[in-house]
Amino acid sequence: MFWLIIILAMYLALAYLTYATQGFYTYPFLDYTSTGSRGLVAAYIFGIAVGTIIVFCIVWGLIWLRKWITEKKLGFDGKVSKKVSYDRDVEMEGTYQGVGYRG
């Protein structure tokens, strides 16, 4: 979520940089003279940020729900889905147990 907000801030900065260098706003709602006040423009900006956070949380929740249903309820624990940790003291029949090996 942090990086999404950083990307949005950089995109907003680019929009205002476009106005400073080219003389036009990329989006009409960024022009505070046409919208009526700077507070309304700030409300648009914060509204977009809050909307992004809400969408992020919804998608994160859907991913969590999908994993819970498939791995916990249905028991589909595929070989690739679990993280394998390497234990130096554990050897099986003299073979190396690297990442991805589930003996």
Foldseek 3Di string as FASTA:
>chain_A
DVVVVVVLVVVVVVQVVCCVVVVDGPDVLCDCVVVPHVVSSVVVSVVVVVVVVVVVVVVVVVVVVVCCCVCPVVNPPDLPNDWDDADPVDDDPPDHDDTSDDD
